[in-house]
PDB file of all heavy atoms in Angstrom:
ATOM      1  N   ARG A   1     126.675  74.598 204.475  1.00  0.00           N
ATOM      2  CA  ARG A   1     126.616  76.059 204.605  1.00  0.00           C
ATOM      3  C   ARG A   1     126.005  76.684 203.357  1.00  0.00           C
ATOM      4  O   ARG A   1     125.354  77.730 203.420  1.00  0.00           O
ATOM      5  CB  ARG A   1     128.038  76.594 204.839  1.00  0.00           C
ATOM      6  CG  ARG A   1     128.175  78.109 204.914  1.00  0.00           C
ATOM      7  CD  ARG A   1     127.620  78.668 206.190  1.00  0.00           C
ATOM      8  NE  ARG A   1     128.126  80.025 206.422  1.00  0.00           N
ATOM      9  CZ  ARG A   1     127.438  80.975 207.036  1.00  0.00           C
ATOM     10  NH1 ARG A   1     126.215  80.733 207.481  1.00  0.00           N
ATOM     11  NH2 ARG A   1     127.971  82.168 207.225  1.00  0.00           N
ATOM     12  N   TYR A   2     126.213  76.043 202.195  1.00  0.00           N
ATOM     13  CA  TYR A   2     125.697  76.562 200.930  1.00  0.00           C
ATOM     14  C   TYR A   2     124.400  75.861 200.497  1.00  0.00           C
ATOM     15  O   TYR A   2     123.960  76.036 199.360  1.00  0.00           O
ATOM     16  CB  TYR A   2     126.761  76.440 199.839  1.00  0.00           C
ATOM     17  CG  TYR A   2     127.861  77.477 199.973  1.00  0.00           C
ATOM     18  CD1 TYR A   2     128.905  77.296 200.875  1.00  0.00           C
ATOM     19  CD2 TYR A   2     127.844  78.650 199.239  1.00  0.00           C
ATOM     20  CE1 TYR A   2     129.899  78.236 201.025  1.00  0.00           C
ATOM     21  CE2 TYR A   2     128.837  79.605 199.369  1.00  0.00           C
ATOM     22  CZ  TYR A   2     129.863  79.398 200.271  1.00  0.00           C
ATOM     23  OH  TYR A   2     130.850  80.346 200.421  1.00  0.00           O
ATOM     24  N   GLY A   3     123.814  75.061 201.386  1.00  0.00           N
ATOM     25  CA  GLY A   3     122.559  74.397 201.049  1.00  0.00           C
ATOM     26  C   GLY A   3     122.712  73.278 200.051  1.00  0.00           C
ATOM     27  O   GLY A   3     121.780  72.947 199.315  1.00  0.00           O
ATOM     28  N   THR A   4     123.888  72.661 200.025  1.00  0.00           N
ATOM     29  CA  THR A   4     124.154  71.509 199.164  1.00  0.00           C
ATOM     30  C   THR A   4     124.233  70.272 200.036  1.00  0.00           C
ATOM     31  O   THR A   4     124.990  70.251 201.016  1.00  0.00           O
ATOM     32  CB  THR A   4     125.476  71.711 198.391  1.00  0.00           C
ATOM     33  OG1 THR A   4     125.319  72.850 197.534  1.00  0.00           O
ATOM     34  CG2 THR A   4     125.836  70.501 197.573  1.00  0.00           C
ATOM     35  N   LEU A   5     123.448  69.255 199.729  1.00  0.00           N
ATOM     36  CA  LEU A   5     123.320  68.102 200.616  1.00  0.00           C
ATOM     37  C   LEU A   5     124.484  67.137 200.443  1.00  0.00           C
ATOM     38  O   LEU A   5     124.717  66.621 199.343  1.00  0.00           O
ATOM     39  CB  LEU A   5     122.005  67.368 200.338  1.00  0.00           C
ATOM     40  CG  LEU A   5     120.738  68.203 200.577  1.00  0.00           C
ATOM     41  CD1 LEU A   5     119.494  67.390 200.225  1.00  0.00           C
ATOM     42  CD2 LEU A   5     120.660  68.680 202.029  1.00  0.00           C
ATOM     43  N   PRO A   6     125.256  66.884 201.502  1.00  0.00           N
ATOM     44  CA  PRO A   6     126.379  65.947 201.401  1.00  0.00           C
ATOM     45  C   PRO A   6     125.917  64.497 201.342  1.00  0.00           C
ATOM     46  O   PRO A   6     124.932  64.119 201.987  1.00  0.00           O
ATOM     47  CB  PRO A   6     127.192  66.219 202.673  1.00  0.00           C
ATOM     48  CG  PRO A   6     126.264  66.903 203.607  1.00  0.00           C
ATOM     49  CD  PRO A   6     125.187  67.540 202.807  1.00  0.00           C
ATOM     50  N   ILE A   7     126.643  63.712 200.558  1.00  0.00           N
ATOM     51  CA  ILE A   7     126.460  62.255 200.511  1.00  0.00           C
ATOM     52  C   ILE A   7     127.777  61.667 201.001  1.00  0.00           C
ATOM     53  O   ILE A   7     128.798  61.772 200.327  1.00  0.00           O
ATOM     54  CB  ILE A   7     126.135  61.776 199.089  1.00  0.00           C
ATOM     55  CG1 ILE A   7     124.814  62.388 198.611  1.00  0.00           C
ATOM     56  CG2 ILE A   7     126.086  60.251 199.026  1.00  0.00           C
ATOM     57  CD1 ILE A   7     124.491  62.108 197.159  1.00  0.00           C
ATOM     58  N   VAL A   8     127.772  61.074 202.189  1.00  0.00           N
ATOM     59  CA  VAL A   8     129.024  60.703 202.848  1.00  0.00           C
ATOM     60  C   VAL A   8     128.996  59.248 203.303  1.00  0.00           C
ATOM     61  O   VAL A   8     127.929  58.654 203.497  1.00  0.00           O
ATOM     62  CB  VAL A   8     129.289  61.596 204.086  1.00  0.00           C
ATOM     63  CG1 VAL A   8     129.284  63.068 203.713  1.00  0.00           C
ATOM     64  CG2 VAL A   8     128.273  61.329 205.207  1.00  0.00           C
ATOM     65  N   ARG A   9     130.194  58.702 203.442  1.00  0.00           N
ATOM     66  CA  ARG A   9     130.332  57.464 204.195  1.00  0.00           C
ATOM     67  C   ARG A   9     130.464  57.851 205.654  1.00  0.00           C
ATOM     68  O   ARG A   9     131.253  58.726 206.011  1.00  0.00           O
ATOM     69  CB  ARG A   9     131.553  56.668 203.743  1.00  0.00           C
ATOM     70  CG  ARG A   9     131.729  55.400 204.559  1.00  0.00           C
ATOM     71  CD  ARG A   9     132.818  54.503 204.027  1.00  0.00           C
ATOM     72  NE  ARG A   9     133.027  53.413 204.975  1.00  0.00           N
ATOM     73  CZ  ARG A   9     133.950  53.401 205.926  1.00  0.00           C
ATOM     74  NH1 ARG A   9     134.794  54.418 206.056  1.00  0.00           N
ATOM     75  NH2 ARG A   9     134.055  52.391 206.748  1.00  0.00           N
ATOM     76  N   ARG A  10     129.705  57.206 206.509  1.00  0.00           N
ATOM     77  CA  ARG A  10     129.635  57.631 207.908  1.00  0.00           C
ATOM     78  C   ARG A  10     130.840  57.126 208.698  1.00  0.00           C
ATOM     79  O   ARG A  10     130.774  56.113 209.404  1.00  0.00           O
ATOM     80  CB  ARG A  10     128.320  57.169 208.533  1.00  0.00           C
ATOM     81  CG  ARG A  10     127.124  57.849 207.866  1.00  0.00           C
ATOM     82  CD  ARG A  10     125.841  57.658 208.614  1.00  0.00           C
ATOM     83  NE  ARG A  10     125.423  56.261 208.631  1.00  0.00           N
ATOM     84  CZ  ARG A  10     124.283  55.831 209.159  1.00  0.00           C
ATOM     85  NH1 ARG A  10     123.463  56.679 209.754  1.00  0.00           N
ATOM     86  NH2 ARG A  10     123.968  54.554 209.114  1.00  0.00           N
ATOM     87  N   THR A  11     131.927  57.881 208.560  1.00  0.00           N
ATOM     88  CA  THR A  11     133.163  57.583 209.273  1.00  0.00           C
ATOM     89  C   THR A  11     133.679  58.884 209.869  1.00  0.00           C
ATOM     90  O   THR A  11     133.426  59.968 209.335  1.00  0.00           O
ATOM     91  CB  THR A  11     134.212  56.976 208.329  1.00  0.00           C
ATOM     92  OG1 THR A  11     135.391  56.652 209.074  1.00  0.00           O
ATOM     93  CG2 THR A  11     134.600  57.933 207.218  1.00  0.00           C
ATOM     94  N   GLY A  12     134.400  58.802 210.989  1.00  0.00           N
ATOM     95  CA  GLY A  12     134.993  59.972 211.598  1.00  0.00           C
ATOM     96  C   GLY A  12     134.019  61.108 211.774  1.00  0.00           C
ATOM     97  O   GLY A  12     132.868  60.932 212.174  1.00  0.00           O
ATOM     98  N   GLY A  13     134.474  62.323 211.439  1.00  0.00           N
ATOM     99  CA  GLY A  13     133.637  63.497 211.607  1.00  0.00           C
ATOM    100  C   GLY A  13     132.477  63.585 210.646  1.00  0.00           C
ATOM    101  O   GLY A  13     131.542  64.357 210.869  1.00  0.00           O
ATOM    102  N   LEU A  14     132.506  62.783 209.566  1.00  0.00           N
ATOM    103  CA  LEU A  14     131.364  62.768 208.648  1.00  0.00           C
ATOM    104  C   LEU A  14     130.123  62.242 209.356  1.00  0.00           C
ATOM    105  O   LEU A  14     129.016  62.723 209.135  1.00  0.00           O
ATOM    106  CB  LEU A  14     131.693  61.908 207.428  1.00  0.00           C
ATOM    107  CG  LEU A  14     132.902  62.346 206.599  1.00  0.00           C
ATOM    108  CD1 LEU A  14     133.145  61.375 205.452  1.00  0.00           C
ATOM    109  CD2 LEU A  14     132.704  63.757 206.061  1.00  0.00           C
ATOM    110  N   LYS A  15     130.317  61.273 210.225  1.00  0.00           N
ATOM    111  CA  LYS A  15     129.200  60.724 210.989  1.00  0.00           C
ATOM    112  C   LYS A  15     128.687  61.726 212.010  1.00  0.00           C
ATOM    113  O   LYS A  15     127.486  61.795 212.291  1.00  0.00           O
ATOM    114  CB  LYS A  15     129.637  59.430 211.687  1.00  0.00           C
ATOM    115  CG  LYS A  15     128.507  58.705 212.412  1.00  0.00           C
ATOM    116  CD  LYS A  15     128.978  57.366 212.954  1.00  0.00           C
ATOM    117  CE  LYS A  15     127.837  56.626 213.640  1.00  0.00           C
ATOM    118  NZ  LYS A  15     128.283  55.293 214.141  1.00  0.00           N
ATOM    119  N   ASP A  16     129.597  62.515 212.574  1.00  0.00           N
ATOM    120  CA  ASP A  16     129.199  63.506 213.574  1.00  0.00           C
ATOM    121  C   ASP A  16     128.449  64.688 212.975  1.00  0.00           C
ATOM    122  O   ASP A  16     127.616  65.302 213.641  1.00  0.00           O
ATOM    123  CB  ASP A  16     130.437  64.039 214.309  1.00  0.00           C
ATOM    124  CG  ASP A  16     131.047  63.020 215.250  1.00  0.00           C
ATOM    125  OD1 ASP A  16     130.292  62.391 216.003  1.00  0.00           O
ATOM    126  OD2 ASP A  16     132.279  62.844 215.220  1.00  0.00           O
ATOM    127  N   SER A  17     128.753  65.029 211.730  1.00  0.00           N
ATOM    128  CA  SER A  17     128.238  66.283 211.174  1.00  0.00           C
ATOM    129  C   SER A  17     127.104  66.123 210.173  1.00  0.00           C
ATOM    130  O   SER A  17     126.426  67.107 209.860  1.00  0.00           O
ATOM    131  CB  SER A  17     129.394  67.051 210.499  1.00  0.00           C
ATOM    132  OG  SER A  17     130.030  66.250 209.528  1.00  0.00           O
ATOM    133  N   VAL A  18     126.892  64.919 209.653  1.00  0.00           N
ATOM    134  CA  VAL A  18     125.828  64.700 208.660  1.00  0.00           C
ATOM    135  C   VAL A  18     124.767  63.780 209.262  1.00  0.00           C
ATOM    136  O   VAL A  18     125.053  62.634 209.616  1.00  0.00           O
ATOM    137  CB  VAL A  18     126.396  64.095 207.358  1.00  0.00           C
ATOM    138  CG1 VAL A  18     125.255  63.810 206.378  1.00  0.00           C
ATOM    139  CG2 VAL A  18     127.418  65.037 206.734  1.00  0.00           C
ATOM    140  N   ILE A  19     123.554  64.290 209.367  1.00  0.00           N
ATOM    141  CA  ILE A  19     122.430  63.493 209.863  1.00  0.00           C
ATOM    142  C   ILE A  19     121.743  62.867 208.652  1.00  0.00           C
ATOM    143  O   ILE A  19     121.144  63.563 207.822  1.00  0.00           O
ATOM    144  CB  ILE A  19     121.434  64.353 210.661  1.00  0.00           C
ATOM    145  CG1 ILE A  19     122.150  65.029 211.837  1.00  0.00           C
ATOM    146  CG2 ILE A  19     120.267  63.510 211.164  1.00  0.00           C
ATOM    147  CD1 ILE A  19     121.282  66.028 212.586  1.00  0.00           C
ATOM    148  N   ASN A  20     121.836  61.556 208.535  1.00  0.00           N
ATOM    149  CA  ASN A  20     121.355  60.839 207.362  1.00  0.00           C
ATOM    150  C   ASN A  20     119.834  60.865 207.262  1.00  0.00           C
ATOM    151  O   ASN A  20     119.131  60.587 208.242  1.00  0.00           O
ATOM    152  CB  ASN A  20     121.846  59.383 207.437  1.00  0.00           C
ATOM    153  CG  ASN A  20     121.257  58.517 206.339  1.00  0.00           C
ATOM    154  OD1 ASN A  20     121.251  58.907 205.186  1.00  0.00           O
ATOM    155  ND2 ASN A  20     120.759  57.348 206.711  1.00  0.00           N
ATOM    156  N   TYR A  21     119.341  61.185 206.073  1.00  0.00           N
ATOM    157  CA  TYR A  21     117.906  61.078 205.831  1.00  0.00           C
ATOM    158  C   TYR A  21     117.573  59.648 205.446  1.00  0.00           C
ATOM    159  O   TYR A  21     118.081  59.117 204.454  1.00  0.00           O
ATOM    160  CB  TYR A  21     117.462  62.027 204.712  1.00  0.00           C
ATOM    161  CG  TYR A  21     115.977  61.899 204.436  1.00  0.00           C
ATOM    162  CD1 TYR A  21     115.045  62.174 205.423  1.00  0.00           C
ATOM    163  CD2 TYR A  21     115.510  61.477 203.191  1.00  0.00           C
ATOM    164  CE1 TYR A  21     113.685  62.043 205.184  1.00  0.00           C
ATOM    165  CE2 TYR A  21     114.159  61.358 202.930  1.00  0.00           C
ATOM    166  CZ  TYR A  21     113.246  61.633 203.937  1.00  0.00           C
ATOM    167  OH  TYR A  21     111.898  61.499 203.704  1.00  0.00           O
ATOM    168  N   ASP A  22     116.701  59.011 206.236  1.00  0.00           N
ATOM    169  CA  ASP A  22     116.326  57.621 205.989  1.00  0.00           C
ATOM    170  C   ASP A  22     114.847  57.462 205.697  1.00  0.00           C
ATOM    171  O   ASP A  22     114.310  56.352 205.720  1.00  0.00           O
ATOM    172  CB  ASP A  22     116.718  56.750 207.186  1.00  0.00           C
ATOM    173  CG  ASP A  22     116.053  57.200 208.487  1.00  0.00           C
ATOM    174  OD1 ASP A  22     115.130  58.052 208.439  1.00  0.00           O
ATOM    175  OD2 ASP A  22     116.461  56.696 209.555  1.00  0.00           O
ATOM    176  N   GLY A  23     114.179  58.579 205.431  1.00  0.00           N
ATOM    177  CA  GLY A  23     112.764  58.529 205.095  1.00  0.00           C
ATOM    178  C   GLY A  23     111.846  58.895 206.238  1.00  0.00           C
ATOM    179  O   GLY A  23     110.668  59.187 206.017  1.00  0.00           O
ATOM    180  N   GLY A  24     112.370  58.918 207.453  1.00  0.00           N
ATOM    181  CA  GLY A  24     111.493  59.176 208.587  1.00  0.00           C
ATOM    182  C   GLY A  24     111.949  60.282 209.498  1.00  0.00           C
ATOM    183  O   GLY A  24     111.355  60.504 210.543  1.00  0.00           O
TER     184      GLY A  24
END
């Protein structure tokens, strides 16, 4: 919401809400 990029382990709702940048 504040334009700060999350760095998360993809578990639970973290996987649902953060779309990982993988270069492509």
